[in-house]
């Protein structure tokens, strides 16, 4: 099993500081993630709210990090594709791949916040149809041959050759989110793409396992073997179980409040710190507990990798970094070479 770093900020200004201070913390975390051996750093796009809105443009942060790192891969999780012209996205991604020397992964999604659509002039009712058209255009834009397009949402009657081309050919790895819809997951595998999912969203892991199984079936149909399935999880590793709860619980509750405020309602399946510990929907506790959580997730869901959110709810930077180091030292090695 591989382990990635995942940034979805729940902004608590009284703890996180202003924009420059917050960005300095993120950069420090990613540099630590590279040093500690994490495979990829993922960055989520949101807008207009403390829930993720301090990072409205992940490719800009990735461009900066590409110049500060040399090994760790850098991924979008996700670009909200219906908000943009796909040709422009293709150009941006190619530039990022060049600047990072071929270290970019590209997560693409329709978006979860309907309020974005109106501001950016997108019709929510047709956003999935638009997304599908954009995805086809992206692949053509990264190909070597010029292409023209006559679609419902975009037109290019005269052939265009989009340059530059990405370092990774035919294009960087593509990742698509699915957490409930098994048909969507199967289509993702059939189209040769990788899967992103949220194992914690339901009260048990069974719905996510169904999504992963459907994806594996589609990947087989698409000729890519098992494909790759990634799950996003929150984590805090403390020296002892009691210290972990004492150090992380307040920030976790702050993050939950920010998330509820964004949704305009409480969680469908509440995830307190203690529920996370009891169900493994949160990777919380001392190193041994966290190893058991991951074993349970691995066996119940069948994932290839976990993208781990260490920073939430204004958690102090020293605790974020200490948790990352403890995870890398005492949790991750237990899964080295794990092929189950």
C-alpha atoms as a PDB file:
ATOM      1  CA  UNK A   1       0.000   0.000   0.000  1.00  0.00           C
ATOM      2  CA  UNK A   2       1.192   3.492  -0.866  1.00  0.00           C
ATOM      3  CA  UNK A   3       0.627   6.583   1.234  1.00  0.00           C
ATOM      4  CA  UNK A   4       0.082  10.119  -0.042  1.00  0.00           C
ATOM      5  CA  UNK A   5      -0.295  13.533   1.579  1.00  0.00           C
ATOM      6  CA  UNK A   6      -3.655  15.270   1.067  1.00  0.00           C
ATOM      7  CA  UNK A   7      -4.510  18.934   1.560  1.00  0.00           C
ATOM      8  CA  UNK A   8      -8.138  19.946   2.075  1.00  0.00           C
ATOM      9  CA  UNK A   9      -7.983  22.987   4.297  1.00  0.00           C
ATOM     10  CA  UNK A  10     -10.739  23.846   6.755  1.00  0.00           C
ATOM     11  CA  UNK A  11      -9.648  27.400   7.400  1.00  0.00           C
ATOM     12  CA  UNK A  12      -9.622  28.625  10.981  1.00  0.00           C
ATOM     13  CA  UNK A  13      -8.048  32.087  10.616  1.00  0.00           C
ATOM     14  CA  UNK A  14      -7.503  32.566  14.344  1.00  0.00           C
ATOM     15  CA  UNK A  15      -5.282  29.467  14.306  1.00  0.00           C
ATOM     16  CA  UNK A  16      -4.089  29.269  10.683  1.00  0.00           C
ATOM     17  CA  UNK A  17      -3.164  32.925  10.297  1.00  0.00           C
ATOM     18  CA  UNK A  18      -3.486  35.020   7.159  1.00  0.00           C
ATOM     19  CA  UNK A  19      -3.007  33.829   3.593  1.00  0.00           C
ATOM     20  CA  UNK A  20       0.805  34.161   3.460  1.00  0.00           C
ATOM     21  CA  UNK A  21       1.188  32.391   6.805  1.00  0.00           C
ATOM     22  CA  UNK A  22      -1.130  29.590   5.742  1.00  0.00           C
ATOM     23  CA  UNK A  23       0.650  29.031   2.435  1.00  0.00           C
ATOM     24  CA  UNK A  24       4.007  28.871   4.230  1.00  0.00           C
ATOM     25  CA  UNK A  25       2.601  26.083   6.406  1.00  0.00           C
ATOM     26  CA  UNK A  26       1.367  24.147   3.393  1.00  0.00           C
ATOM     27  CA  UNK A  27       4.725  24.403   1.659  1.00  0.00           C
ATOM     28  CA  UNK A  28       6.494  23.233   4.823  1.00  0.00           C
ATOM     29  CA  UNK A  29       4.133  20.254   5.050  1.00  0.00           C
ATOM     30  CA  UNK A  30       4.733  19.220   1.439  1.00  0.00           C
ATOM     31  CA  UNK A  31       8.502  19.504   1.842  1.00  0.00           C
ATOM     32  CA  UNK A  32       8.198  17.307   4.937  1.00  0.00           C
ATOM     33  CA  UNK A  33       6.027  14.845   2.985  1.00  0.00           C
ATOM     34  CA  UNK A  34       8.724  14.539   0.335  1.00  0.00           C
ATOM     35  CA  UNK A  35      11.429  14.038   2.944  1.00  0.00           C
ATOM     36  CA  UNK A  36       9.348  11.421   4.781  1.00  0.00           C
ATOM     37  CA  UNK A  37       8.689   9.324   1.679  1.00  0.00           C
ATOM     38  CA  UNK A  38       5.061  10.060   0.826  1.00  0.00           C
ATOM     39  CA  UNK A  39       4.344   9.177  -2.804  1.00  0.00           C
ATOM     40  CA  UNK A  40       2.183  12.094  -3.935  1.00  0.00           C
ATOM     41  CA  UNK A  41       0.776  15.361  -2.583  1.00  0.00           C
ATOM     42  CA  UNK A  42      -2.855  16.048  -3.526  1.00  0.00           C
ATOM     43  CA  UNK A  43      -4.590  19.436  -3.513  1.00  0.00           C
ATOM     44  CA  UNK A  44      -8.341  20.072  -3.582  1.00  0.00           C
ATOM     45  CA  UNK A  45     -10.071  22.968  -5.338  1.00  0.00           C
ATOM     46  CA  UNK A  46     -12.871  24.832  -3.565  1.00  0.00           C
ATOM     47  CA  UNK A  47     -14.194  28.401  -3.696  1.00  0.00           C
ATOM     48  CA  UNK A  48     -15.760  31.113  -1.552  1.00  0.00           C
ATOM     49  CA  UNK A  49     -15.778  29.361   1.814  1.00  0.00           C
ATOM     50  CA  UNK A  50     -13.562  28.448   4.746  1.00  0.00           C
ATOM     51  CA  UNK A  51     -14.071  24.819   3.712  1.00  0.00           C
ATOM     52  CA  UNK A  52     -11.285  24.561   1.145  1.00  0.00           C
ATOM     53  CA  UNK A  53     -11.717  28.038  -0.286  1.00  0.00           C
ATOM     54  CA  UNK A  54      -8.230  29.221   0.618  1.00  0.00           C
ATOM     55  CA  UNK A  55      -7.004  26.988  -2.223  1.00  0.00           C
ATOM     56  CA  UNK A  56      -9.105  27.977  -5.258  1.00  0.00           C
ATOM     57  CA  UNK A  57      -6.428  27.120  -7.819  1.00  0.00           C
ATOM     58  CA  UNK A  58      -4.339  24.000  -7.028  1.00  0.00           C
ATOM     59  CA  UNK A  59      -2.277  24.207 -10.255  1.00  0.00           C
ATOM     60  CA  UNK A  60      -0.772  27.507  -9.080  1.00  0.00           C
ATOM     61  CA  UNK A  61       0.373  25.925  -5.821  1.00  0.00           C
ATOM     62  CA  UNK A  62       1.643  22.883  -7.706  1.00  0.00           C
ATOM     63  CA  UNK A  63       3.703  25.130 -10.009  1.00  0.00           C
ATOM     64  CA  UNK A  64       5.394  26.673  -6.963  1.00  0.00           C
ATOM     65  CA  UNK A  65       5.949  23.296  -5.306  1.00  0.00           C
ATOM     66  CA  UNK A  66       7.388  21.826  -8.486  1.00  0.00           C
ATOM     67  CA  UNK A  67      10.327  24.193  -8.029  1.00  0.00           C
ATOM     68  CA  UNK A  68      10.803  23.281  -4.343  1.00  0.00           C
ATOM     69  CA  UNK A  69      10.571  19.497  -4.646  1.00  0.00           C
ATOM     70  CA  UNK A  70      12.314  16.846  -6.725  1.00  0.00           C
ATOM     71  CA  UNK A  71      10.712  13.450  -6.033  1.00  0.00           C
ATOM     72  CA  UNK A  72       7.173  13.627  -4.686  1.00  0.00           C
ATOM     73  CA  UNK A  73       4.399  13.585  -7.253  1.00  0.00           C
ATOM     74  CA  UNK A  74       1.913  16.466  -7.282  1.00  0.00           C
ATOM     75  CA  UNK A  75      -1.773  15.971  -7.979  1.00  0.00           C
ATOM     76  CA  UNK A  76      -5.057  17.854  -8.346  1.00  0.00           C
ATOM     77  CA  UNK A  77      -7.923  16.425  -6.288  1.00  0.00           C
ATOM     78  CA  UNK A  78      -9.740  17.661  -8.235  1.00  0.00           C
ATOM     79  CA  UNK A  79      -9.862  20.312 -10.944  1.00  0.00           C
ATOM     80  CA  UNK A  80     -13.561  21.224 -11.183  1.00  0.00           C
ATOM     81  CA  UNK A  81     -13.570  20.791 -14.924  1.00  0.00           C
ATOM     82  CA  UNK A  82     -16.972  22.319 -15.877  1.00  0.00           C
ATOM     83  CA  UNK A  83     -15.731  25.710 -14.653  1.00  0.00           C
ATOM     84  CA  UNK A  84     -13.034  25.885 -17.333  1.00  0.00           C
ATOM     85  CA  UNK A  85     -12.243  25.635 -21.024  1.00  0.00           C
ATOM     86  CA  UNK A  86     -10.684  22.176 -21.455  1.00  0.00           C
ATOM     87  CA  UNK A  87      -8.092  23.399 -23.934  1.00  0.00           C
ATOM     88  CA  UNK A  88      -6.825  25.862 -21.356  1.00  0.00           C
ATOM     89  CA  UNK A  89      -6.716  23.072 -18.762  1.00  0.00           C
ATOM     90  CA  UNK A  90      -4.749  20.901 -21.195  1.00  0.00           C
ATOM     91  CA  UNK A  91      -2.205  23.691 -21.667  1.00  0.00           C
ATOM     92  CA  UNK A  92      -1.894  24.312 -17.911  1.00  0.00           C
ATOM     93  CA  UNK A  93      -1.431  20.634 -17.103  1.00  0.00           C
ATOM     94  CA  UNK A  94       1.214  20.234 -19.818  1.00  0.00           C
ATOM     95  CA  UNK A  95       3.134  23.184 -18.389  1.00  0.00           C
ATOM     96  CA  UNK A  96       2.924  21.724 -14.873  1.00  0.00           C
ATOM     97  CA  UNK A  97       4.171  18.383 -16.138  1.00  0.00           C
ATOM     98  CA  UNK A  98       7.156  20.079 -17.750  1.00  0.00           C
ATOM     99  CA  UNK A  99       7.916  22.227 -14.697  1.00  0.00           C
ATOM    100  CA  UNK A 100       7.764  19.160 -12.441  1.00  0.00           C
ATOM    101  CA  UNK A 101       9.704  16.926 -14.846  1.00  0.00           C
ATOM    102  CA  UNK A 102       6.796  14.546 -15.285  1.00  0.00           C
ATOM    103  CA  UNK A 103       5.501  14.364 -11.704  1.00  0.00           C
ATOM    104  CA  UNK A 104       1.893  15.498 -12.181  1.00  0.00           C
ATOM    105  CA  UNK A 105      -1.255  13.458 -11.530  1.00  0.00           C
ATOM    106  CA  UNK A 106      -4.563  14.917 -12.689  1.00  0.00           C
ATOM    107  CA  UNK A 107      -7.772  14.442 -10.736  1.00  0.00           C
ATOM    108  CA  UNK A 108     -10.832  15.748 -12.571  1.00  0.00           C
ATOM    109  CA  UNK A 109     -14.356  16.127 -11.245  1.00  0.00           C
ATOM    110  CA  UNK A 110     -17.716  17.745 -11.829  1.00  0.00           C
ATOM    111  CA  UNK A 111     -17.656  19.560  -8.486  1.00  0.00           C
ATOM    112  CA  UNK A 112     -19.697  19.241  -5.298  1.00  0.00           C
ATOM    113  CA  UNK A 113     -20.732  22.847  -4.720  1.00  0.00           C
ATOM    114  CA  UNK A 114     -23.653  23.985  -6.852  1.00  0.00           C
ATOM    115  CA  UNK A 115     -23.066  27.582  -5.755  1.00  0.00           C
ATOM    116  CA  UNK A 116     -19.888  27.572  -7.833  1.00  0.00           C
ATOM    117  CA  UNK A 117     -21.767  26.982 -11.043  1.00  0.00           C
ATOM    118  CA  UNK A 118     -23.845  30.142 -11.080  1.00  0.00           C
ATOM    119  CA  UNK A 119     -20.877  32.387 -10.320  1.00  0.00           C
ATOM    120  CA  UNK A 120     -18.813  30.806 -13.096  1.00  0.00           C
ATOM    121  CA  UNK A 121     -21.690  30.712 -15.583  1.00  0.00           C
ATOM    122  CA  UNK A 122     -22.185  26.930 -15.559  1.00  0.00           C
ATOM    123  CA  UNK A 123     -25.556  25.185 -15.785  1.00  0.00           C
ATOM    124  CA  UNK A 124     -25.607  22.555 -13.043  1.00  0.00           C
ATOM    125  CA  UNK A 125     -28.206  20.503 -14.931  1.00  0.00           C
ATOM    126  CA  UNK A 126     -25.813  19.888 -17.824  1.00  0.00           C
ATOM    127  CA  UNK A 127     -22.531  19.886 -15.897  1.00  0.00           C
ATOM    128  CA  UNK A 128     -22.038  16.095 -16.093  1.00  0.00           C
ATOM    129  CA  UNK A 129     -22.675  16.097 -19.845  1.00  0.00           C
ATOM    130  CA  UNK A 130     -20.263  19.001 -20.182  1.00  0.00           C
ATOM    131  CA  UNK A 131     -17.664  17.181 -18.074  1.00  0.00           C
ATOM    132  CA  UNK A 132     -17.834  14.120 -20.337  1.00  0.00           C
ATOM    133  CA  UNK A 133     -17.288  16.283 -23.420  1.00  0.00           C
ATOM    134  CA  UNK A 134     -14.392  18.104 -21.781  1.00  0.00           C
ATOM    135  CA  UNK A 135     -12.683  14.859 -20.821  1.00  0.00           C
ATOM    136  CA  UNK A 136     -12.756  13.665 -24.424  1.00  0.00           C
ATOM    137  CA  UNK A 137     -11.327  16.998 -25.549  1.00  0.00           C
ATOM    138  CA  UNK A 138      -8.486  16.854 -23.022  1.00  0.00           C
ATOM    139  CA  UNK A 139      -7.234  13.558 -24.358  1.00  0.00           C
ATOM    140  CA  UNK A 140      -7.317  14.850 -27.920  1.00  0.00           C
ATOM    141  CA  UNK A 141      -5.532  18.057 -26.890  1.00  0.00           C
ATOM    142  CA  UNK A 142      -2.638  16.082 -25.374  1.00  0.00           C
ATOM    143  CA  UNK A 143      -2.269  13.845 -28.436  1.00  0.00           C
ATOM    144  CA  UNK A 144       0.370  14.514 -31.068  1.00  0.00           C
ATOM    145  CA  UNK A 145      -2.063  15.222 -33.891  1.00  0.00           C
ATOM    146  CA  UNK A 146      -4.074  18.436 -34.387  1.00  0.00           C
ATOM    147  CA  UNK A 147      -7.769  18.082 -33.708  1.00  0.00           C
ATOM    148  CA  UNK A 148     -11.022  19.868 -34.426  1.00  0.00           C
ATOM    149  CA  UNK A 149     -14.191  19.693 -32.337  1.00  0.00           C
ATOM    150  CA  UNK A 150     -17.893  20.201 -32.869  1.00  0.00           C
ATOM    151  CA  UNK A 151     -19.635  19.528 -29.583  1.00  0.00           C
ATOM    152  CA  UNK A 152     -22.589  20.756 -27.603  1.00  0.00           C
ATOM    153  CA  UNK A 153     -20.495  22.989 -25.328  1.00  0.00           C
ATOM    154  CA  UNK A 154     -17.294  23.668 -27.278  1.00  0.00           C
ATOM    155  CA  UNK A 155     -16.454  24.144 -30.944  1.00  0.00           C
ATOM    156  CA  UNK A 156     -13.198  24.325 -32.817  1.00  0.00           C
ATOM    157  CA  UNK A 157     -14.006  23.877 -36.520  1.00  0.00           C
ATOM    158  CA  UNK A 158     -10.433  24.551 -37.594  1.00  0.00           C
ATOM    159  CA  UNK A 159      -7.844  21.999 -36.421  1.00  0.00           C
ATOM    160  CA  UNK A 160      -5.651  23.150 -33.530  1.00  0.00           C
ATOM    161  CA  UNK A 161      -2.407  21.733 -32.177  1.00  0.00           C
ATOM    162  CA  UNK A 162      -2.290  22.331 -28.432  1.00  0.00           C
ATOM    163  CA  UNK A 163       1.250  22.986 -27.193  1.00  0.00           C
ATOM    164  CA  UNK A 164       3.255  22.315 -25.157  1.00  0.00           C
ATOM    165  CA  UNK A 165       2.762  18.584 -24.732  1.00  0.00           C
ATOM    166  CA  UNK A 166       3.140  16.954 -21.309  1.00  0.00           C
ATOM    167  CA  UNK A 167       6.286  15.011 -20.435  1.00  0.00           C
ATOM    168  CA  UNK A 168       4.255  11.925 -19.526  1.00  0.00           C
ATOM    169  CA  UNK A 169       2.847  10.315 -22.650  1.00  0.00           C
ATOM    170  CA  UNK A 170       0.205  10.082 -23.823  1.00  0.00           C
ATOM    171  CA  UNK A 171      -0.727  12.227 -20.825  1.00  0.00           C
ATOM    172  CA  UNK A 172      -0.347  12.317 -17.011  1.00  0.00           C
ATOM    173  CA  UNK A 173      -2.332   9.744 -15.009  1.00  0.00           C
ATOM    174  CA  UNK A 174      -6.024  10.673 -14.802  1.00  0.00           C
ATOM    175  CA  UNK A 175      -8.077  10.169 -11.640  1.00  0.00           C
ATOM    176  CA  UNK A 176     -11.870  10.381 -11.331  1.00  0.00           C
ATOM    177  CA  UNK A 177     -13.853  10.514  -8.046  1.00  0.00           C
ATOM    178  CA  UNK A 178     -16.708   8.141  -7.250  1.00  0.00           C
ATOM    179  CA  UNK A 179     -18.017   7.342  -3.785  1.00  0.00           C
ATOM    180  CA  UNK A 180     -21.595   6.149  -4.344  1.00  0.00           C
ATOM    181  CA  UNK A 181     -22.250   5.455  -8.026  1.00  0.00           C
ATOM    182  CA  UNK A 182     -20.997   2.001  -9.016  1.00  0.00           C
ATOM    183  CA  UNK A 183     -21.830   2.506 -12.700  1.00  0.00           C
ATOM    184  CA  UNK A 184     -19.698   5.648 -12.755  1.00  0.00           C
ATOM    185  CA  UNK A 185     -16.855   3.778 -11.051  1.00  0.00           C
ATOM    186  CA  UNK A 186     -17.069   0.941 -13.575  1.00  0.00           C
ATOM    187  CA  UNK A 187     -17.009   3.391 -16.474  1.00  0.00           C
ATOM    188  CA  UNK A 188     -13.938   5.070 -14.957  1.00  0.00           C
ATOM    189  CA  UNK A 189     -12.064   1.767 -15.011  1.00  0.00           C
ATOM    190  CA  UNK A 190     -13.331   0.883 -18.488  1.00  0.00           C
ATOM    191  CA  UNK A 191     -11.981   4.220 -19.765  1.00  0.00           C
ATOM    192  CA  UNK A 192      -8.518   3.427 -18.404  1.00  0.00           C
ATOM    193  CA  UNK A 193      -8.528   5.949 -15.575  1.00  0.00           C
ATOM    194  CA  UNK A 194      -7.823   5.689 -11.846  1.00  0.00           C
ATOM    195  CA  UNK A 195     -10.353   5.919  -9.018  1.00  0.00           C
ATOM    196  CA  UNK A 196     -10.590   8.359  -6.106  1.00  0.00           C
ATOM    197  CA  UNK A 197     -13.061   7.601  -3.341  1.00  0.00           C
ATOM    198  CA  UNK A 198     -14.095   8.540   0.214  1.00  0.00           C
ATOM    199  CA  UNK A 199     -14.228   5.454   2.454  1.00  0.00           C
ATOM    200  CA  UNK A 200     -15.342   7.485   5.484  1.00  0.00           C
ATOM    201  CA  UNK A 201     -18.485   9.052   4.011  1.00  0.00           C
ATOM    202  CA  UNK A 202     -20.884   6.205   4.935  1.00  0.00           C
ATOM    203  CA  UNK A 203     -21.340   4.648   8.363  1.00  0.00           C
ATOM    204  CA  UNK A 204     -19.684   1.426   7.127  1.00  0.00           C
ATOM    205  CA  UNK A 205     -17.178   0.556   4.404  1.00  0.00           C
ATOM    206  CA  UNK A 206     -19.589  -1.593   2.382  1.00  0.00           C
ATOM    207  CA  UNK A 207     -20.721   1.138  -0.072  1.00  0.00           C
ATOM    208  CA  UNK A 208     -17.111   2.040  -0.847  1.00  0.00           C
ATOM    209  CA  UNK A 209     -16.204  -1.614  -1.353  1.00  0.00           C
ATOM    210  CA  UNK A 210     -19.010  -1.901  -3.905  1.00  0.00           C
ATOM    211  CA  UNK A 211     -17.624   1.136  -5.735  1.00  0.00           C
ATOM    212  CA  UNK A 212     -14.083  -0.272  -5.717  1.00  0.00           C
ATOM    213  CA  UNK A 213     -15.270  -3.696  -6.916  1.00  0.00           C
ATOM    214  CA  UNK A 214     -17.193  -2.070  -9.759  1.00  0.00           C
ATOM    215  CA  UNK A 215     -14.114  -0.065 -10.676  1.00  0.00           C
ATOM    216  CA  UNK A 216     -11.939  -3.209 -10.712  1.00  0.00           C
ATOM    217  CA  UNK A 217     -14.438  -4.897 -13.039  1.00  0.00           C
ATOM    218  CA  UNK A 218     -14.358  -1.918 -15.372  1.00  0.00           C
ATOM    219  CA  UNK A 219     -10.559  -1.769 -15.274  1.00  0.00           C
ATOM    220  CA  UNK A 220     -10.446  -5.402 -16.385  1.00  0.00           C
ATOM    221  CA  UNK A 221     -12.828  -4.636 -19.215  1.00  0.00           C
ATOM    222  CA  UNK A 222     -10.669  -1.671 -20.197  1.00  0.00           C
ATOM    223  CA  UNK A 223      -7.491  -3.723 -20.316  1.00  0.00           C
ATOM    224  CA  UNK A 224      -5.648  -1.993 -17.437  1.00  0.00           C
ATOM    225  CA  UNK A 225      -5.644  -4.919 -15.022  1.00  0.00           C
ATOM    226  CA  UNK A 226      -6.769  -3.842 -11.560  1.00  0.00           C
ATOM    227  CA  UNK A 227      -6.166  -0.136 -12.160  1.00  0.00           C
ATOM    228  CA  UNK A 228      -5.490   2.037  -9.115  1.00  0.00           C
ATOM    229  CA  UNK A 229      -7.954   2.906  -6.353  1.00  0.00           C
ATOM    230  CA  UNK A 230      -7.167   5.647  -3.855  1.00  0.00           C
ATOM    231  CA  UNK A 231      -9.064   6.598  -0.707  1.00  0.00           C
ATOM    232  CA  UNK A 232      -8.962   9.913   1.132  1.00  0.00           C
ATOM    233  CA  UNK A 233      -8.767   9.665   4.919  1.00  0.00           C
ATOM    234  CA  UNK A 234      -8.037  11.977   7.834  1.00  0.00           C
ATOM    235  CA  UNK A 235      -5.283  10.992  10.254  1.00  0.00           C
ATOM    236  CA  UNK A 236      -3.701  11.976  13.517  1.00  0.00           C
ATOM    237  CA  UNK A 237      -0.951   9.907  15.111  1.00  0.00           C
ATOM    238  CA  UNK A 238       0.027  10.649  18.707  1.00  0.00           C
ATOM    239  CA  UNK A 239       2.562   9.076  21.033  1.00  0.00           C
ATOM    240  CA  UNK A 240      -0.309   7.523  23.001  1.00  0.00           C
ATOM    241  CA  UNK A 241      -4.014   7.129  22.348  1.00  0.00           C
ATOM    242  CA  UNK A 242      -4.856   9.594  25.114  1.00  0.00           C
ATOM    243  CA  UNK A 243      -2.407  12.198  23.839  1.00  0.00           C
ATOM    244  CA  UNK A 244      -3.658  11.820  20.286  1.00  0.00           C
ATOM    245  CA  UNK A 245      -7.223  12.580  21.339  1.00  0.00           C
ATOM    246  CA  UNK A 246      -6.168  15.454  23.576  1.00  0.00           C
ATOM    247  CA  UNK A 247      -4.045  17.018  20.831  1.00  0.00           C
ATOM    248  CA  UNK A 248      -6.406  16.573  17.865  1.00  0.00           C
ATOM    249  CA  UNK A 249     -10.015  16.503  19.063  1.00  0.00           C
ATOM    250  CA  UNK A 250     -10.630  20.264  19.306  1.00  0.00           C
ATOM    251  CA  UNK A 251      -9.238  20.877  15.816  1.00  0.00           C
ATOM    252  CA  UNK A 252     -11.250  17.952  14.466  1.00  0.00           C
ATOM    253  CA  UNK A 253     -14.455  19.419  15.892  1.00  0.00           C
ATOM    254  CA  UNK A 254     -13.577  22.817  14.425  1.00  0.00           C
ATOM    255  CA  UNK A 255     -13.101  21.196  11.040  1.00  0.00           C
ATOM    256  CA  UNK A 256     -16.463  19.426  11.332  1.00  0.00           C
ATOM    257  CA  UNK A 257     -18.175  22.727  12.172  1.00  0.00           C
ATOM    258  CA  UNK A 258     -16.620  24.397   9.134  1.00  0.00           C
ATOM    259  CA  UNK A 259     -17.734  21.494   6.933  1.00  0.00           C
ATOM    260  CA  UNK A 260     -21.298  21.640   8.323  1.00  0.00           C
ATOM    261  CA  UNK A 261     -21.383  25.393   7.701  1.00  0.00           C
ATOM    262  CA  UNK A 262     -20.358  24.802   4.090  1.00  0.00           C
ATOM    263  CA  UNK A 263     -23.044  22.170   3.536  1.00  0.00           C
ATOM    264  CA  UNK A 264     -25.682  24.125   5.414  1.00  0.00           C
ATOM    265  CA  UNK A 265     -26.549  21.040   7.453  1.00  0.00           C
ATOM    266  CA  UNK A 266     -25.034  18.443   9.742  1.00  0.00           C
ATOM    267  CA  UNK A 267     -23.225  15.386   8.455  1.00  0.00           C
ATOM    268  CA  UNK A 268     -25.375  12.613   7.058  1.00  0.00           C
ATOM    269  CA  UNK A 269     -23.254  10.081   8.967  1.00  0.00           C
ATOM    270  CA  UNK A 270     -21.645  11.909  11.919  1.00  0.00           C
ATOM    271  CA  UNK A 271     -17.908  11.428  12.256  1.00  0.00           C
ATOM    272  CA  UNK A 272     -16.664  12.567  15.649  1.00  0.00           C
ATOM    273  CA  UNK A 273     -13.136  11.716  16.730  1.00  0.00           C
ATOM    274  CA  UNK A 274     -14.418   8.870  18.888  1.00  0.00           C
ATOM    275  CA  UNK A 275     -16.626   7.468  16.114  1.00  0.00           C
ATOM    276  CA  UNK A 276     -13.617   7.597  13.814  1.00  0.00           C
ATOM    277  CA  UNK A 277     -11.594   5.558  16.318  1.00  0.00           C
ATOM    278  CA  UNK A 278     -14.377   3.023  16.842  1.00  0.00           C
ATOM    279  CA  UNK A 279     -15.132   2.491  13.140  1.00  0.00           C
ATOM    280  CA  UNK A 280     -11.742   3.227  11.490  1.00  0.00           C
ATOM    281  CA  UNK A 281     -13.427   6.002   9.524  1.00  0.00           C
ATOM    282  CA  UNK A 282     -10.700   8.187  11.020  1.00  0.00           C
ATOM    283  CA  UNK A 283      -7.105   7.008  11.326  1.00  0.00           C
ATOM    284  CA  UNK A 284      -6.688   8.339  14.849  1.00  0.00           C
ATOM    285  CA  UNK A 285      -4.692   7.132  17.845  1.00  0.00           C
ATOM    286  CA  UNK A 286      -1.240   5.853  18.702  1.00  0.00           C
ATOM    287  CA  UNK A 287       0.881   4.125  16.027  1.00  0.00           C
ATOM    288  CA  UNK A 288      -0.435   0.634  16.788  1.00  0.00           C
ATOM    289  CA  UNK A 289      -4.047   1.825  16.592  1.00  0.00           C
ATOM    290  CA  UNK A 290      -3.348   3.560  13.291  1.00  0.00           C
ATOM    291  CA  UNK A 291      -1.776   0.427  11.857  1.00  0.00           C
ATOM    292  CA  UNK A 292      -4.910  -1.514  12.809  1.00  0.00           C
ATOM    293  CA  UNK A 293      -7.146   1.145  11.255  1.00  0.00           C
ATOM    294  CA  UNK A 294      -5.272   0.884   7.953  1.00  0.00           C
ATOM    295  CA  UNK A 295      -5.345  -2.906   8.001  1.00  0.00           C
ATOM    296  CA  UNK A 296      -9.106  -2.745   8.492  1.00  0.00           C
ATOM    297  CA  UNK A 297      -9.536  -0.238   5.642  1.00  0.00           C
ATOM    298  CA  UNK A 298      -7.271  -2.267   3.360  1.00  0.00           C
ATOM    299  CA  UNK A 299      -9.118  -5.510   3.994  1.00  0.00           C
ATOM    300  CA  UNK A 300     -12.632  -4.037   3.945  1.00  0.00           C
ATOM    301  CA  UNK A 301     -12.289  -1.694   0.969  1.00  0.00           C
ATOM    302  CA  UNK A 302      -9.466  -3.121  -1.157  1.00  0.00           C
ATOM    303  CA  UNK A 303      -7.599   0.114  -1.866  1.00  0.00           C
ATOM    304  CA  UNK A 304      -4.117   0.452  -3.363  1.00  0.00           C
ATOM    305  CA  UNK A 305      -3.233   3.702  -1.635  1.00  0.00           C
ATOM    306  CA  UNK A 306      -4.421   6.206   0.941  1.00  0.00           C
ATOM    307  CA  UNK A 307      -4.169   9.982   0.643  1.00  0.00           C
ATOM    308  CA  UNK A 308      -3.902  11.259   4.207  1.00  0.00           C
ATOM    309  CA  UNK A 309      -5.209  14.564   5.505  1.00  0.00           C
ATOM    310  CA  UNK A 310      -3.013  15.547   8.455  1.00  0.00           C
ATOM    311  CA  UNK A 311      -4.068  19.226   8.664  1.00  0.00           C
ATOM    312  CA  UNK A 312      -7.621  20.112   9.716  1.00  0.00           C
ATOM    313  CA  UNK A 313      -9.486  22.708  11.742  1.00  0.00           C
ATOM    314  CA  UNK A 314      -6.518  24.936  12.549  1.00  0.00           C
ATOM    315  CA  UNK A 315      -4.423  22.129  14.031  1.00  0.00           C
ATOM    316  CA  UNK A 316      -1.112  23.703  15.114  1.00  0.00           C
ATOM    317  CA  UNK A 317       1.699  23.218  12.647  1.00  0.00           C
ATOM    318  CA  UNK A 318       3.983  21.500  15.147  1.00  0.00           C
ATOM    319  CA  UNK A 319       1.306  18.848  15.737  1.00  0.00           C
ATOM    320  CA  UNK A 320       0.677  18.377  12.013  1.00  0.00           C
ATOM    321  CA  UNK A 321       4.378  17.796  11.368  1.00  0.00           C
ATOM    322  CA  UNK A 322       4.811  15.576  14.432  1.00  0.00           C
ATOM    323  CA  UNK A 323       1.893  13.423  13.300  1.00  0.00           C
ATOM    324  CA  UNK A 324       3.354  13.133   9.791  1.00  0.00           C
ATOM    325  CA  UNK A 325       6.750  12.108  11.168  1.00  0.00           C
ATOM    326  CA  UNK A 326       5.293   9.559  13.558  1.00  0.00           C
ATOM    327  CA  UNK A 327       3.193   8.084  10.757  1.00  0.00           C
ATOM    328  CA  UNK A 328       6.215   7.791   8.460  1.00  0.00           C
ATOM    329  CA  UNK A 329       8.391   6.291  11.185  1.00  0.00           C
ATOM    330  CA  UNK A 330       6.028   3.892  12.950  1.00  0.00           C
ATOM    331  CA  UNK A 331       2.992   3.258  10.720  1.00  0.00           C
ATOM    332  CA  UNK A 332       3.947   3.308   7.031  1.00  0.00           C
ATOM    333  CA  UNK A 333       6.852   0.782   7.276  1.00  0.00           C
ATOM    334  CA  UNK A 334       4.399  -1.871   8.466  1.00  0.00           C
ATOM    335  CA  UNK A 335       2.846  -1.830   4.972  1.00  0.00           C
ATOM    336  CA  UNK A 336       6.016  -1.750   2.891  1.00  0.00           C
ATOM    337  CA  UNK A 337       5.748  -4.376   0.192  1.00  0.00           C
ATOM    338  CA  UNK A 338       2.113  -5.091   1.081  1.00  0.00           C
ATOM    339  CA  UNK A 339       0.536  -6.683  -1.983  1.00  0.00           C
ATOM    340  CA  UNK A 340      -2.807  -7.720  -0.458  1.00  0.00           C
END
